[in-house]
Amino acid sequence: MNLSGFEFYYGWRKMFLSHFQGKDKEVPLVVEALEGELVTQQQEISYQDFIVKQSDYEKSALVLVEDFIKKNEINNPVIDLTSILIQRNGTLAFLCYCSWAEDDGIAIVLGLKQYIVGQDDFL
């Protein structure tokens, strides 16, 4: 993976333009790593897939959020994308602030398995 444009700060990161919820917003894209570590092959595959299919990922995330809100009968939901994380095993998630779990936030996990979980449980 070409790390040009990335800097190391608690993982490899760079600002990334997202179009989540119909809004353009720059958020950190973080590739999880310890100091001195390069990215794994799984992270490389996830990153490349995300770059090619970004709009599909964003649409899937929106559908998951809408279904979650409806299923859990959440009133006046507020959700805000705060970062995109690719874990060492290649799992990619949108990390979000949300009004119904202000202390924890949520992780919208995307890939072969797609689901929403509290950030504390994901991280």
PDB file of N, CA and C in Angstrom:
ATOM      1  N   MET A   1       0.850  -1.179   0.000  1.00  0.00           N
ATOM      2  CA  MET A   1       0.000   0.000   0.000  1.00  0.00           C
ATOM      3  C   MET A   1       0.887   1.231   0.000  1.00  0.00           C
ATOM      4  N   ASN A   2       0.594   2.132  -0.856  1.00  0.00           N
ATOM      5  CA  ASN A   2       1.347   3.377  -0.915  1.00  0.00           C
ATOM      6  C   ASN A   2       0.891   4.269   0.241  1.00  0.00           C
ATOM      7  N   LEU A   3       1.792   4.544   1.154  1.00  0.00           N
ATOM      8  CA  LEU A   3       1.451   5.344   2.326  1.00  0.00           C
ATOM      9  C   LEU A   3       1.687   6.834   2.113  1.00  0.00           C
ATOM     10  N   SER A   4       1.903   7.232   0.860  1.00  0.00           N
ATOM     11  CA  SER A   4       2.094   8.655   0.612  1.00  0.00           C
ATOM     12  C   SER A   4       0.798   9.388   0.947  1.00  0.00           C
ATOM     13  N   GLY A   5       0.926  10.484   1.648  1.00  0.00           N
ATOM     14  CA  GLY A   5      -0.241  11.224   2.110  1.00  0.00           C
ATOM     15  C   GLY A   5      -0.705  10.780   3.492  1.00  0.00           C
ATOM     16  N   PHE A   6      -0.232   9.634   3.958  1.00  0.00           N
ATOM     17  CA  PHE A   6      -0.545   9.155   5.297  1.00  0.00           C
ATOM     18  C   PHE A   6       0.541   9.624   6.253  1.00  0.00           C
ATOM     19  N   GLU A   7       0.158   9.840   7.488  1.00  0.00           N
ATOM     20  CA  GLU A   7       1.138  10.103   8.537  1.00  0.00           C
ATOM     21  C   GLU A   7       0.834   9.162   9.682  1.00  0.00           C
ATOM     22  N   PHE A   8       1.866   8.870  10.472  1.00  0.00           N
ATOM     23  CA  PHE A   8       1.645   7.958  11.591  1.00  0.00           C
ATOM     24  C   PHE A   8       1.307   8.741  12.840  1.00  0.00           C
ATOM     25  N   TYR A   9       0.142   8.489  13.376  1.00  0.00           N
ATOM     26  CA  TYR A   9      -0.290   9.047  14.653  1.00  0.00           C
ATOM     27  C   TYR A   9      -1.339   8.088  15.195  1.00  0.00           C
ATOM     28  N   TYR A  10      -0.919   7.189  16.073  1.00  0.00           N
ATOM     29  CA  TYR A  10      -1.800   6.127  16.566  1.00  0.00           C
ATOM     30  C   TYR A  10      -2.427   5.370  15.408  1.00  0.00           C
ATOM     31  N   GLY A  11      -1.622   4.973  14.445  1.00  0.00           N
ATOM     32  CA  GLY A  11      -2.049   4.311  13.224  1.00  0.00           C
ATOM     33  C   GLY A  11      -1.726   5.200  12.044  1.00  0.00           C
ATOM     34  N   TRP A  12      -1.774   4.628  10.843  1.00  0.00           N
ATOM     35  CA  TRP A  12      -1.554   5.406   9.625  1.00  0.00           C
ATOM     36  C   TRP A  12      -2.830   6.143   9.294  1.00  0.00           C
ATOM     37  N   ARG A  13      -2.771   7.453   9.097  1.00  0.00           N
ATOM     38  CA  ARG A  13      -3.987   8.230   8.882  1.00  0.00           C
ATOM     39  C   ARG A  13      -3.777   9.338   7.870  1.00  0.00           C
ATOM     40  N   LYS A  14      -4.885   9.668   7.220  1.00  0.00           N
ATOM     41  CA  LYS A  14      -4.923  10.840   6.350  1.00  0.00           C
ATOM     42  C   LYS A  14      -6.364  11.312   6.300  1.00  0.00           C
ATOM     43  N   MET A  15      -6.543  12.561   5.966  1.00  0.00           N
ATOM     44  CA  MET A  15      -7.891  13.098   5.827  1.00  0.00           C
ATOM     45  C   MET A  15      -8.479  12.572   4.520  1.00  0.00           C
ATOM     46  N   PHE A  16      -9.768  12.264   4.569  1.00  0.00           N
ATOM     47  CA  PHE A  16     -10.428  11.604   3.452  1.00  0.00           C
ATOM     48  C   PHE A  16     -11.799  12.228   3.257  1.00  0.00           C
ATOM     49  N   LEU A  17     -12.147  12.509   2.018  1.00  0.00           N
ATOM     50  CA  LEU A  17     -13.441  13.111   1.722  1.00  0.00           C
ATOM     51  C   LEU A  17     -14.507  12.037   1.642  1.00  0.00           C
ATOM     52  N   SER A  18     -15.506  12.147   2.508  1.00  0.00           N
ATOM     53  CA  SER A  18     -16.637  11.220   2.544  1.00  0.00           C
ATOM     54  C   SER A  18     -17.886  11.928   2.037  1.00  0.00           C
ATOM     55  N   HIS A  19     -18.817  11.153   1.541  1.00  0.00           N
ATOM     56  CA  HIS A  19     -20.101  11.683   1.072  1.00  0.00           C
ATOM     57  C   HIS A  19     -21.236  11.012   1.838  1.00  0.00           C
ATOM     58  N   PHE A  20     -20.994  10.642   3.073  1.00  0.00           N
ATOM     59  CA  PHE A  20     -21.969   9.926   3.902  1.00  0.00           C
ATOM     60  C   PHE A  20     -23.172  10.814   4.215  1.00  0.00           C
ATOM     61  N   GLN A  21     -24.349  10.279   4.094  1.00  0.00           N
ATOM     62  CA  GLN A  21     -25.616  10.972   4.342  1.00  0.00           C
ATOM     63  C   GLN A  21     -25.805  12.176   3.422  1.00  0.00           C
ATOM     64  N   GLY A  22     -25.232  12.104   2.226  1.00  0.00           N
ATOM     65  CA  GLY A  22     -25.405  13.181   1.265  1.00  0.00           C
ATOM     66  C   GLY A  22     -24.620  14.445   1.580  1.00  0.00           C
ATOM     67  N   LYS A  23     -23.724  14.366   2.556  1.00  0.00           N
ATOM     68  CA  LYS A  23     -22.913  15.528   2.920  1.00  0.00           C
ATOM     69  C   LYS A  23     -21.444  15.236   2.646  1.00  0.00           C
ATOM     70  N   ASP A  24     -20.763  16.202   2.035  1.00  0.00           N
ATOM     71  CA  ASP A  24     -19.321  16.082   1.871  1.00  0.00           C
ATOM     72  C   ASP A  24     -18.655  16.496   3.175  1.00  0.00           C
ATOM     73  N   LYS A  25     -17.783  15.629   3.666  1.00  0.00           N
ATOM     74  CA  LYS A  25     -17.099  15.920   4.925  1.00  0.00           C
ATOM     75  C   LYS A  25     -15.750  15.213   4.921  1.00  0.00           C
ATOM     76  N   GLU A  26     -14.710  15.936   5.327  1.00  0.00           N
ATOM     77  CA  GLU A  26     -13.407  15.315   5.488  1.00  0.00           C
ATOM     78  C   GLU A  26     -13.312  14.704   6.872  1.00  0.00           C
ATOM     79  N   VAL A  27     -12.939  13.430   6.912  1.00  0.00           N
ATOM     80  CA  VAL A  27     -12.759  12.716   8.170  1.00  0.00           C
ATOM     81  C   VAL A  27     -11.438  11.952   8.104  1.00  0.00           C
ATOM     82  N   PRO A  28     -10.867  11.619   9.248  1.00  0.00           N
ATOM     83  CA  PRO A  28      -9.651  10.806   9.217  1.00  0.00           C
ATOM     84  C   PRO A  28      -9.961   9.385   8.746  1.00  0.00           C
ATOM     85  N   LEU A  29      -9.174   8.891   7.810  1.00  0.00           N
ATOM     86  CA  LEU A  29      -9.184   7.477   7.455  1.00  0.00           C
ATOM     87  C   LEU A  29      -7.977   6.896   8.178  1.00  0.00           C
ATOM     88  N   VAL A  30      -8.216   5.949   9.078  1.00  0.00           N
ATOM     89  CA  VAL A  30      -7.164   5.415   9.936  1.00  0.00           C
ATOM     90  C   VAL A  30      -6.956   3.936   9.621  1.00  0.00           C
ATOM     91  N   VAL A  31      -5.713   3.583   9.330  1.00  0.00           N
ATOM     92  CA  VAL A  31      -5.331   2.194   9.131  1.00  0.00           C
ATOM     93  C   VAL A  31      -4.594   1.781  10.400  1.00  0.00           C
ATOM     94  N   GLU A  32      -5.224   0.921  11.182  1.00  0.00           N
ATOM     95  CA  GLU A  32      -4.724   0.540  12.499  1.00  0.00           C
ATOM     96  C   GLU A  32      -3.321  -0.073  12.415  1.00  0.00           C
ATOM     97  N   ALA A  33      -2.416   0.414  13.257  1.00  0.00           N
ATOM     98  CA  ALA A  33      -1.052  -0.111  13.317  1.00  0.00           C
ATOM     99  C   ALA A  33      -0.382   0.403  14.577  1.00  0.00           C
ATOM    100  N   LEU A  34       0.573  -0.353  15.045  1.00  0.00           N
ATOM    101  CA  LEU A  34       1.433   0.114  16.130  1.00  0.00           C
ATOM    102  C   LEU A  34       2.628   0.815  15.502  1.00  0.00           C
ATOM    103  N   GLU A  35       3.297   1.623  16.291  1.00  0.00           N
ATOM    104  CA  GLU A  35       4.454   2.353  15.770  1.00  0.00           C
ATOM    105  C   GLU A  35       5.469   1.372  15.190  1.00  0.00           C
ATOM    106  N   GLY A  36       5.944   1.682  13.994  1.00  0.00           N
ATOM    107  CA  GLY A  36       6.926   0.833  13.326  1.00  0.00           C
ATOM    108  C   GLY A  36       6.312  -0.250  12.452  1.00  0.00           C
ATOM    109  N   GLU A  37       5.003  -0.429  12.511  1.00  0.00           N
ATOM    110  CA  GLU A  37       4.341  -1.449  11.698  1.00  0.00           C
ATOM    111  C   GLU A  37       3.851  -0.856  10.387  1.00  0.00           C
ATOM    112  N   LEU A  38       3.931  -1.662   9.344  1.00  0.00           N
ATOM    113  CA  LEU A  38       3.338  -1.307   8.072  1.00  0.00           C
ATOM    114  C   LEU A  38       1.931  -1.908   8.022  1.00  0.00           C
ATOM    115  N   VAL A  39       1.215  -1.662   6.958  1.00  0.00           N
ATOM    116  CA  VAL A  39      -0.130  -2.209   6.834  1.00  0.00           C
ATOM    117  C   VAL A  39      -0.060  -3.698   6.503  1.00  0.00           C
ATOM    118  N   THR A  40      -1.112  -4.419   6.882  1.00  0.00           N
ATOM    119  CA  THR A  40      -1.193  -5.846   6.573  1.00  0.00           C
ATOM    120  C   THR A  40      -1.775  -6.026   5.174  1.00  0.00           C
ATOM    121  N   GLN A  41      -1.651  -7.222   4.654  1.00  0.00           N
ATOM    122  CA  GLN A  41      -2.228  -7.530   3.343  1.00  0.00           C
ATOM    123  C   GLN A  41      -3.751  -7.361   3.380  1.00  0.00           C
ATOM    124  N   GLN A  42      -4.369  -7.773   4.490  1.00  0.00           N
ATOM    125  CA  GLN A  42      -5.818  -7.632   4.622  1.00  0.00           C
ATOM    126  C   GLN A  42      -6.227  -6.153   4.608  1.00  0.00           C
ATOM    127  N   GLN A  43      -5.454  -5.299   5.262  1.00  0.00           N
ATOM    128  CA  GLN A  43      -5.742  -3.867   5.261  1.00  0.00           C
ATOM    129  C   GLN A  43      -5.597  -3.289   3.856  1.00  0.00           C
ATOM    130  N   GLU A  44      -4.583  -3.726   3.151  1.00  0.00           N
ATOM    131  CA  GLU A  44      -4.356  -3.264   1.776  1.00  0.00           C
ATOM    132  C   GLU A  44      -5.555  -3.615   0.896  1.00  0.00           C
ATOM    133  N   ILE A  45      -6.034  -4.848   1.006  1.00  0.00           N
ATOM    134  CA  ILE A  45      -7.182  -5.294   0.206  1.00  0.00           C
ATOM    135  C   ILE A  45      -8.419  -4.477   0.560  1.00  0.00           C
ATOM    136  N   SER A  46      -8.674  -4.277   1.851  1.00  0.00           N
ATOM    137  CA  SER A  46      -9.842  -3.498   2.287  1.00  0.00           C
ATOM    138  C   SER A  46      -9.756  -2.055   1.812  1.00  0.00           C
ATOM    139  N   TYR A  47      -8.584  -1.469   1.921  1.00  0.00           N
ATOM    140  CA  TYR A  47      -8.400  -0.082   1.502  1.00  0.00           C
ATOM    141  C   TYR A  47      -8.666   0.060   0.001  1.00  0.00           C
ATOM    142  N   GLN A  48      -8.068  -0.800  -0.803  1.00  0.00           N
ATOM    143  CA  GLN A  48      -8.249  -0.716  -2.250  1.00  0.00           C
ATOM    144  C   GLN A  48      -9.713  -0.928  -2.629  1.00  0.00           C
ATOM    145  N   ASP A  49     -10.374  -1.886  -1.982  1.00  0.00           N
ATOM    146  CA  ASP A  49     -11.789  -2.140  -2.252  1.00  0.00           C
ATOM    147  C   ASP A  49     -12.627  -0.916  -1.885  1.00  0.00           C
ATOM    148  N   PHE A  50     -12.327  -0.297  -0.756  1.00  0.00           N
ATOM    149  CA  PHE A  50     -13.063   0.892  -0.330  1.00  0.00           C
ATOM    150  C   PHE A  50     -12.871   2.043  -1.317  1.00  0.00           C
ATOM    151  N   ILE A  51     -11.655   2.244  -1.780  1.00  0.00           N
ATOM    152  CA  ILE A  51     -11.377   3.336  -2.722  1.00  0.00           C
ATOM    153  C   ILE A  51     -12.187   3.135  -4.007  1.00  0.00           C
ATOM    154  N   VAL A  52     -12.242   1.913  -4.497  1.00  0.00           N
ATOM    155  CA  VAL A  52     -12.951   1.616  -5.747  1.00  0.00           C
ATOM    156  C   VAL A  52     -14.469   1.689  -5.566  1.00  0.00           C
ATOM    157  N   LYS A  53     -14.959   1.249  -4.401  1.00  0.00           N
ATOM    158  CA  LYS A  53     -16.406   1.126  -4.182  1.00  0.00           C
ATOM    159  C   LYS A  53     -16.923   2.050  -3.083  1.00  0.00           C
ATOM    160  N   GLN A  54     -16.293   3.195  -2.914  1.00  0.00           N
ATOM    161  CA  GLN A  54     -16.650   4.099  -1.811  1.00  0.00           C
ATOM    162  C   GLN A  54     -18.142   4.406  -1.774  1.00  0.00           C
ATOM    163  N   SER A  55     -18.733   4.741  -2.899  1.00  0.00           N
ATOM    164  CA  SER A  55     -20.158   5.111  -2.887  1.00  0.00           C
ATOM    165  C   SER A  55     -21.021   3.924  -2.482  1.00  0.00           C
ATOM    166  N   ASP A  56     -20.644   2.708  -2.851  1.00  0.00           N
ATOM    167  CA  ASP A  56     -21.397   1.522  -2.427  1.00  0.00           C
ATOM    168  C   ASP A  56     -21.315   1.340  -0.911  1.00  0.00           C
ATOM    169  N   TYR A  57     -20.128   1.543  -0.357  1.00  0.00           N
ATOM    170  CA  TYR A  57     -19.959   1.453   1.096  1.00  0.00           C
ATOM    171  C   TYR A  57     -20.839   2.487   1.801  1.00  0.00           C
ATOM    172  N   GLU A  58     -20.825   3.709   1.300  1.00  0.00           N
ATOM    173  CA  GLU A  58     -21.600   4.789   1.925  1.00  0.00           C
ATOM    174  C   GLU A  58     -23.101   4.510   1.832  1.00  0.00           C
ATOM    175  N   LYS A  59     -23.559   3.981   0.705  1.00  0.00           N
ATOM    176  CA  LYS A  59     -24.978   3.624   0.560  1.00  0.00           C
ATOM    177  C   LYS A  59     -25.355   2.493   1.510  1.00  0.00           C
ATOM    178  N   SER A  60     -24.513   1.483   1.608  1.00  0.00           N
ATOM    179  CA  SER A  60     -24.767   0.363   2.518  1.00  0.00           C
ATOM    180  C   SER A  60     -24.836   0.836   3.968  1.00  0.00           C
ATOM    181  N   ALA A  61     -23.922   1.738   4.333  1.00  0.00           N
ATOM    182  CA  ALA A  61     -23.914   2.274   5.698  1.00  0.00           C
ATOM    183  C   ALA A  61     -25.211   3.013   5.990  1.00  0.00           C
ATOM    184  N   LEU A  62     -25.677   3.790   5.046  1.00  0.00           N
ATOM    185  CA  LEU A  62     -26.913   4.543   5.228  1.00  0.00           C
ATOM    186  C   LEU A  62     -28.114   3.614   5.400  1.00  0.00           C
ATOM    187  N   VAL A  63     -28.188   2.557   4.606  1.00  0.00           N
ATOM    188  CA  VAL A  63     -29.275   1.577   4.735  1.00  0.00           C
ATOM    189  C   VAL A  63     -29.216   0.909   6.116  1.00  0.00           C
ATOM    190  N   LEU A  64     -28.028   0.529   6.551  1.00  0.00           N
ATOM    191  CA  LEU A  64     -27.879  -0.090   7.878  1.00  0.00           C
ATOM    192  C   LEU A  64     -28.364   0.845   8.981  1.00  0.00           C
ATOM    193  N   VAL A  65     -27.978   2.112   8.890  1.00  0.00           N
ATOM    194  CA  VAL A  65     -28.385   3.097   9.904  1.00  0.00           C
ATOM    195  C   VAL A  65     -29.896   3.280   9.890  1.00  0.00           C
ATOM    196  N   GLU A  66     -30.481   3.428   8.710  1.00  0.00           N
ATOM    197  CA  GLU A  66     -31.931   3.619   8.627  1.00  0.00           C
ATOM    198  C   GLU A  66     -32.683   2.421   9.199  1.00  0.00           C
ATOM    199  N   ASP A  67     -32.231   1.208   8.875  1.00  0.00           N
ATOM    200  CA  ASP A  67     -32.857  -0.005   9.417  1.00  0.00           C
ATOM    201  C   ASP A  67     -32.698  -0.078  10.933  1.00  0.00           C
ATOM    202  N   PHE A  68     -31.518   0.264  11.421  1.00  0.00           N
ATOM    203  CA  PHE A  68     -31.238   0.231  12.863  1.00  0.00           C
ATOM    204  C   PHE A  68     -32.154   1.209  13.603  1.00  0.00           C
ATOM    205  N   ILE A  69     -32.280   2.410  13.084  1.00  0.00           N
ATOM    206  CA  ILE A  69     -33.123   3.440  13.706  1.00  0.00           C
ATOM    207  C   ILE A  69     -34.580   2.992  13.735  1.00  0.00           C
ATOM    208  N   LYS A  70     -35.038   2.446  12.635  1.00  0.00           N
ATOM    209  CA  LYS A  70     -36.426   1.981  12.548  1.00  0.00           C
ATOM    210  C   LYS A  70     -36.665   0.805  13.500  1.00  0.00           C
ATOM    211  N   LYS A  71     -35.773  -0.177  13.477  1.00  0.00           N
ATOM    212  CA  LYS A  71     -35.911  -1.378  14.318  1.00  0.00           C
ATOM    213  C   LYS A  71     -35.901  -1.024  15.798  1.00  0.00           C
ATOM    214  N   ASN A  72     -35.065  -0.068  16.182  1.00  0.00           N
ATOM    215  CA  ASN A  72     -34.923   0.296  17.598  1.00  0.00           C
ATOM    216  C   ASN A  72     -35.792   1.485  18.005  1.00  0.00           C
ATOM    217  N   GLU A  73     -36.643   1.931  17.077  1.00  0.00           N
ATOM    218  CA  GLU A  73     -37.599   3.008  17.338  1.00  0.00           C
ATOM    219  C   GLU A  73     -36.931   4.227  17.974  1.00  0.00           C
ATOM    220  N   ILE A  74     -35.873   4.693  17.349  1.00  0.00           N
ATOM    221  CA  ILE A  74     -35.114   5.837  17.855  1.00  0.00           C
ATOM    222  C   ILE A  74     -35.754   7.111  17.320  1.00  0.00           C
ATOM    223  N   ASN A  75     -36.103   8.000  18.235  1.00  0.00           N
ATOM    224  CA  ASN A  75     -36.728   9.272  17.872  1.00  0.00           C
ATOM    225  C   ASN A  75     -35.676  10.357  17.726  1.00  0.00           C
ATOM    226  N   ASN A  76     -35.857  11.207  16.735  1.00  0.00           N
ATOM    227  CA  ASN A  76     -34.968  12.350  16.486  1.00  0.00           C
ATOM    228  C   ASN A  76     -33.492  11.950  16.443  1.00  0.00           C
ATOM    229  N   PRO A  77     -33.157  10.975  15.615  1.00  0.00           N
ATOM    230  CA  PRO A  77     -31.763  10.519  15.592  1.00  0.00           C
ATOM    231  C   PRO A  77     -30.824  11.553  14.975  1.00  0.00           C
ATOM    232  N   VAL A  78     -29.661  11.656  15.572  1.00  0.00           N
ATOM    233  CA  VAL A  78     -28.576  12.472  15.020  1.00  0.00           C
ATOM    234  C   VAL A  78     -27.369  11.544  14.908  1.00  0.00           C
ATOM    235  N   ILE A  79     -26.782  11.517  13.728  1.00  0.00           N
ATOM    236  CA  ILE A  79     -25.600  10.683  13.516  1.00  0.00           C
ATOM    237  C   ILE A  79     -24.586  11.491  12.715  1.00  0.00           C
ATOM    238  N   ASP A  80     -23.313  11.360  13.098  1.00  0.00           N
ATOM    239  CA  ASP A  80     -22.265  12.128  12.436  1.00  0.00           C
ATOM    240  C   ASP A  80     -21.023  11.247  12.292  1.00  0.00           C
ATOM    241  N   LEU A  81     -20.582  11.066  11.059  1.00  0.00           N
ATOM    242  CA  LEU A  81     -19.370  10.293  10.797  1.00  0.00           C
ATOM    243  C   LEU A  81     -18.171  11.032  11.378  1.00  0.00           C
ATOM    244  N   THR A  82     -17.371  10.333  12.188  1.00  0.00           N
ATOM    245  CA  THR A  82     -16.196  10.960  12.788  1.00  0.00           C
ATOM    246  C   THR A  82     -14.887  10.424  12.217  1.00  0.00           C
ATOM    247  N   SER A  83     -14.875   9.146  11.775  1.00  0.00           N
ATOM    248  CA  SER A  83     -13.677   8.590  11.148  1.00  0.00           C
ATOM    249  C   SER A  83     -14.008   7.273  10.454  1.00  0.00           C
ATOM    250  N   ILE A  84     -13.076   6.823   9.628  1.00  0.00           N
ATOM    251  CA  ILE A  84     -13.158   5.530   8.956  1.00  0.00           C
ATOM    252  C   ILE A  84     -11.961   4.738   9.438  1.00  0.00           C
ATOM    253  N   LEU A  85     -12.190   3.520   9.921  1.00  0.00           N
ATOM    254  CA  LEU A  85     -11.120   2.710  10.505  1.00  0.00           C
ATOM    255  C   LEU A  85     -10.998   1.384   9.769  1.00  0.00           C
ATOM    256  N   ILE A  86      -9.762   1.013   9.458  1.00  0.00           N
ATOM    257  CA  ILE A  86      -9.482  -0.323   8.922  1.00  0.00           C
ATOM    258  C   ILE A  86      -8.615  -1.041   9.953  1.00  0.00           C
ATOM    259  N   GLN A  87      -9.189  -2.083  10.559  1.00  0.00           N
ATOM    260  CA  GLN A  87      -8.467  -2.836  11.583  1.00  0.00           C
ATOM    261  C   GLN A  87      -7.395  -3.714  10.961  1.00  0.00           C
ATOM    262  N   ARG A  88      -6.514  -4.269  11.797  1.00  0.00           N
ATOM    263  CA  ARG A  88      -5.393  -5.103  11.334  1.00  0.00           C
ATOM    264  C   ARG A  88      -5.873  -6.289  10.490  1.00  0.00           C
ATOM    265  N   ASN A  89      -7.060  -6.838  10.814  1.00  0.00           N
ATOM    266  CA  ASN A  89      -7.578  -7.991  10.073  1.00  0.00           C
ATOM    267  C   ASN A  89      -8.305  -7.574   8.790  1.00  0.00           C
ATOM    268  N   GLY A  90      -8.333  -6.276   8.485  1.00  0.00           N
ATOM    269  CA  GLY A  90      -8.966  -5.786   7.271  1.00  0.00           C
ATOM    270  C   GLY A  90     -10.402  -5.340   7.438  1.00  0.00           C
ATOM    271  N   THR A  91     -10.977  -5.520   8.623  1.00  0.00           N
ATOM    272  CA  THR A  91     -12.350  -5.080   8.852  1.00  0.00           C
ATOM    273  C   THR A  91     -12.415  -3.558   8.763  1.00  0.00           C
ATOM    274  N   LEU A  92     -13.379  -3.066   7.979  1.00  0.00           N
ATOM    275  CA  LEU A  92     -13.541  -1.628   7.780  1.00  0.00           C
ATOM    276  C   LEU A  92     -14.835  -1.185   8.445  1.00  0.00           C
ATOM    277  N   ALA A  93     -14.776  -0.042   9.136  1.00  0.00           N
ATOM    278  CA  ALA A  93     -15.972   0.493   9.792  1.00  0.00           C
ATOM    279  C   ALA A  93     -15.988   2.007   9.733  1.00  0.00           C
ATOM    280  N   PHE A  94     -17.188   2.544   9.663  1.00  0.00           N
ATOM    281  CA  PHE A  94     -17.413   3.976   9.826  1.00  0.00           C
ATOM    282  C   PHE A  94     -17.679   4.186  11.312  1.00  0.00           C
ATOM    283  N   LEU A  95     -16.881   4.999  11.975  1.00  0.00           N
ATOM    284  CA  LEU A  95     -17.094   5.321  13.382  1.00  0.00           C
ATOM    285  C   LEU A  95     -17.890   6.617  13.442  1.00  0.00           C
ATOM    286  N   CYS A  96     -18.958   6.601  14.231  1.00  0.00           N
ATOM    287  CA  CYS A  96     -19.890   7.727  14.231  1.00  0.00           C
ATOM    288  C   CYS A  96     -20.292   8.133  15.645  1.00  0.00           C
ATOM    289  N   TYR A  97     -20.495   9.429  15.807  1.00  0.00           N
ATOM    290  CA  TYR A  97     -21.203   9.957  16.965  1.00  0.00           C
ATOM    291  C   TYR A  97     -22.680   9.710  16.682  1.00  0.00           C
ATOM    292  N   CYS A  98     -23.457   9.397  17.719  1.00  0.00           N
ATOM    293  CA  CYS A  98     -24.903   9.292  17.532  1.00  0.00           C
ATOM    294  C   CYS A  98     -25.610   9.734  18.804  1.00  0.00           C
ATOM    295  N   SER A  99     -26.797  10.291  18.620  1.00  0.00           N
ATOM    296  CA  SER A  99     -27.541  10.875  19.732  1.00  0.00           C
ATOM    297  C   SER A  99     -28.056   9.830  20.714  1.00  0.00           C
ATOM    298  N   TRP A 100     -28.210   8.594  20.311  1.00  0.00           N
ATOM    299  CA  TRP A 100     -28.766   7.581  21.209  1.00  0.00           C
ATOM    300  C   TRP A 100     -27.680   6.815  21.963  1.00  0.00           C
ATOM    301  N   ALA A 101     -26.415   7.060  21.655  1.00  0.00           N
ATOM    302  CA  ALA A 101     -25.304   6.437  22.386  1.00  0.00           C
ATOM    303  C   ALA A 101     -24.151   7.445  22.428  1.00  0.00           C
ATOM    304  N   GLU A 102     -24.403   8.563  23.081  1.00  0.00           N
ATOM    305  CA  GLU A 102     -23.447   9.672  23.055  1.00  0.00           C
ATOM    306  C   GLU A 102     -22.086   9.314  23.633  1.00  0.00           C
ATOM    307  N   ASP A 103     -22.057   8.504  24.693  1.00  0.00           N
ATOM    308  CA  ASP A 103     -20.784   8.178  25.330  1.00  0.00           C
ATOM    309  C   ASP A 103     -19.962   7.187  24.516  1.00  0.00           C
ATOM    310  N   ASP A 104     -20.638   6.288  23.818  1.00  0.00           N
ATOM    311  CA  ASP A 104     -19.976   5.198  23.114  1.00  0.00           C
ATOM    312  C   ASP A 104     -19.836   5.479  21.623  1.00  0.00           C
ATOM    313  N   GLY A 105     -20.880   5.978  20.992  1.00  0.00           N
ATOM    314  CA  GLY A 105     -20.901   6.094  19.540  1.00  0.00           C
ATOM    315  C   GLY A 105     -21.130   4.727  18.935  1.00  0.00           C
ATOM    316  N   ILE A 106     -21.199   4.675  17.613  1.00  0.00           N
ATOM    317  CA  ILE A 106     -21.418   3.399  16.946  1.00  0.00           C
ATOM    318  C   ILE A 106     -20.341   3.155  15.899  1.00  0.00           C
ATOM    319  N   ALA A 107     -20.182   1.887  15.569  1.00  0.00           N
ATOM    320  CA  ALA A 107     -19.334   1.463  14.456  1.00  0.00           C
ATOM    321  C   ALA A 107     -20.249   0.794  13.447  1.00  0.00           C
ATOM    322  N   ILE A 108     -20.226   1.305  12.233  1.00  0.00           N
ATOM    323  CA  ILE A 108     -20.977   0.688  11.138  1.00  0.00           C
ATOM    324  C   ILE A 108     -19.973  -0.178  10.400  1.00  0.00           C
ATOM    325  N   VAL A 109     -20.035  -1.475  10.642  1.00  0.00           N
ATOM    326  CA  VAL A 109     -19.070  -2.415  10.095  1.00  0.00           C
ATOM    327  C   VAL A 109     -19.526  -2.806   8.688  1.00  0.00           C
ATOM    328  N   LEU A 110     -18.611  -2.661   7.736  1.00  0.00           N
ATOM    329  CA  LEU A 110     -18.941  -2.895   6.323  1.00  0.00           C
ATOM    330  C   LEU A 110     -17.984  -3.933   5.741  1.00  0.00           C
ATOM    331  N   GLY A 111     -18.469  -4.717   4.847  1.00  0.00           N
ATOM    332  CA  GLY A 111     -17.674  -5.774   4.225  1.00  0.00           C
ATOM    333  C   GLY A 111     -18.571  -6.974   4.011  1.00  0.00           C
ATOM    334  N   LEU A 112     -17.999  -8.164   4.132  1.00  0.00           N
ATOM    335  CA  LEU A 112     -18.817  -9.366   3.947  1.00  0.00           C
ATOM    336  C   LEU A 112     -19.931  -9.436   4.979  1.00  0.00           C
ATOM    337  N   LYS A 113     -19.594  -9.127   6.222  1.00  0.00           N
ATOM    338  CA  LYS A 113     -20.603  -9.013   7.277  1.00  0.00           C
ATOM    339  C   LYS A 113     -20.839  -7.532   7.510  1.00  0.00           C
ATOM    340  N   GLN A 114     -22.100  -7.129   7.526  1.00  0.00           N
ATOM    341  CA  GLN A 114     -22.433  -5.725   7.743  1.00  0.00           C
ATOM    342  C   GLN A 114     -23.367  -5.623   8.935  1.00  0.00           C
ATOM    343  N   TYR A 115     -22.986  -4.790   9.896  1.00  0.00           N
ATOM    344  CA  TYR A 115     -23.794  -4.630  11.099  1.00  0.00           C
ATOM    345  C   TYR A 115     -23.377  -3.359  11.826  1.00  0.00           C
ATOM    346  N   ILE A 116     -24.184  -3.000  12.824  1.00  0.00           N
ATOM    347  CA  ILE A 116     -23.899  -1.842  13.667  1.00  0.00           C
ATOM    348  C   ILE A 116     -23.685  -2.338  15.084  1.00  0.00           C
ATOM    349  N   VAL A 117     -22.666  -1.798  15.718  1.00  0.00           N
ATOM    350  CA  VAL A 117     -22.321  -2.181  17.085  1.00  0.00           C
ATOM    351  C   VAL A 117     -21.770  -0.943  17.785  1.00  0.00           C
ATOM    352  N   GLY A 118     -21.805  -0.941  19.106  1.00  0.00           N
ATOM    353  CA  GLY A 118     -21.190   0.149  19.867  1.00  0.00           C
ATOM    354  C   GLY A 118     -19.697   0.179  19.609  1.00  0.00           C
ATOM    355  N   GLN A 119     -19.122   1.384  19.588  1.00  0.00           N
ATOM    356  CA  GLN A 119     -17.693   1.502  19.327  1.00  0.00           C
ATOM    357  C   GLN A 119     -16.862   0.748  20.358  1.00  0.00           C
ATOM    358  N   ASP A 120     -17.268   0.781  21.620  1.00  0.00           N
ATOM    359  CA  ASP A 120     -16.505   0.072  22.646  1.00  0.00           C
ATOM    360  C   ASP A 120     -16.424  -1.420  22.337  1.00  0.00           C
ATOM    361  N   ASP A 121     -17.500  -1.985  21.806  1.00  0.00           N
ATOM    362  CA  ASP A 121     -17.498  -3.403  21.458  1.00  0.00           C
ATOM    363  C   ASP A 121     -16.683  -3.682  20.203  1.00  0.00           C
ATOM    364  N   PHE A 122     -16.603  -2.710  19.305  1.00  0.00           N
ATOM    365  CA  PHE A 122     -15.860  -2.884  18.063  1.00  0.00           C
ATOM    366  C   PHE A 122     -14.361  -2.708  18.277  1.00  0.00           C
ATOM    367  N   LEU A 123     -14.018  -1.685  19.033  1.00  0.00           N
ATOM    368  CA  LEU A 123     -12.604  -1.381  19.222  1.00  0.00           C
ATOM    369  C   LEU A 123     -11.995  -2.318  20.235  1.00  0.00           C
TER     370      LEU A 123
END
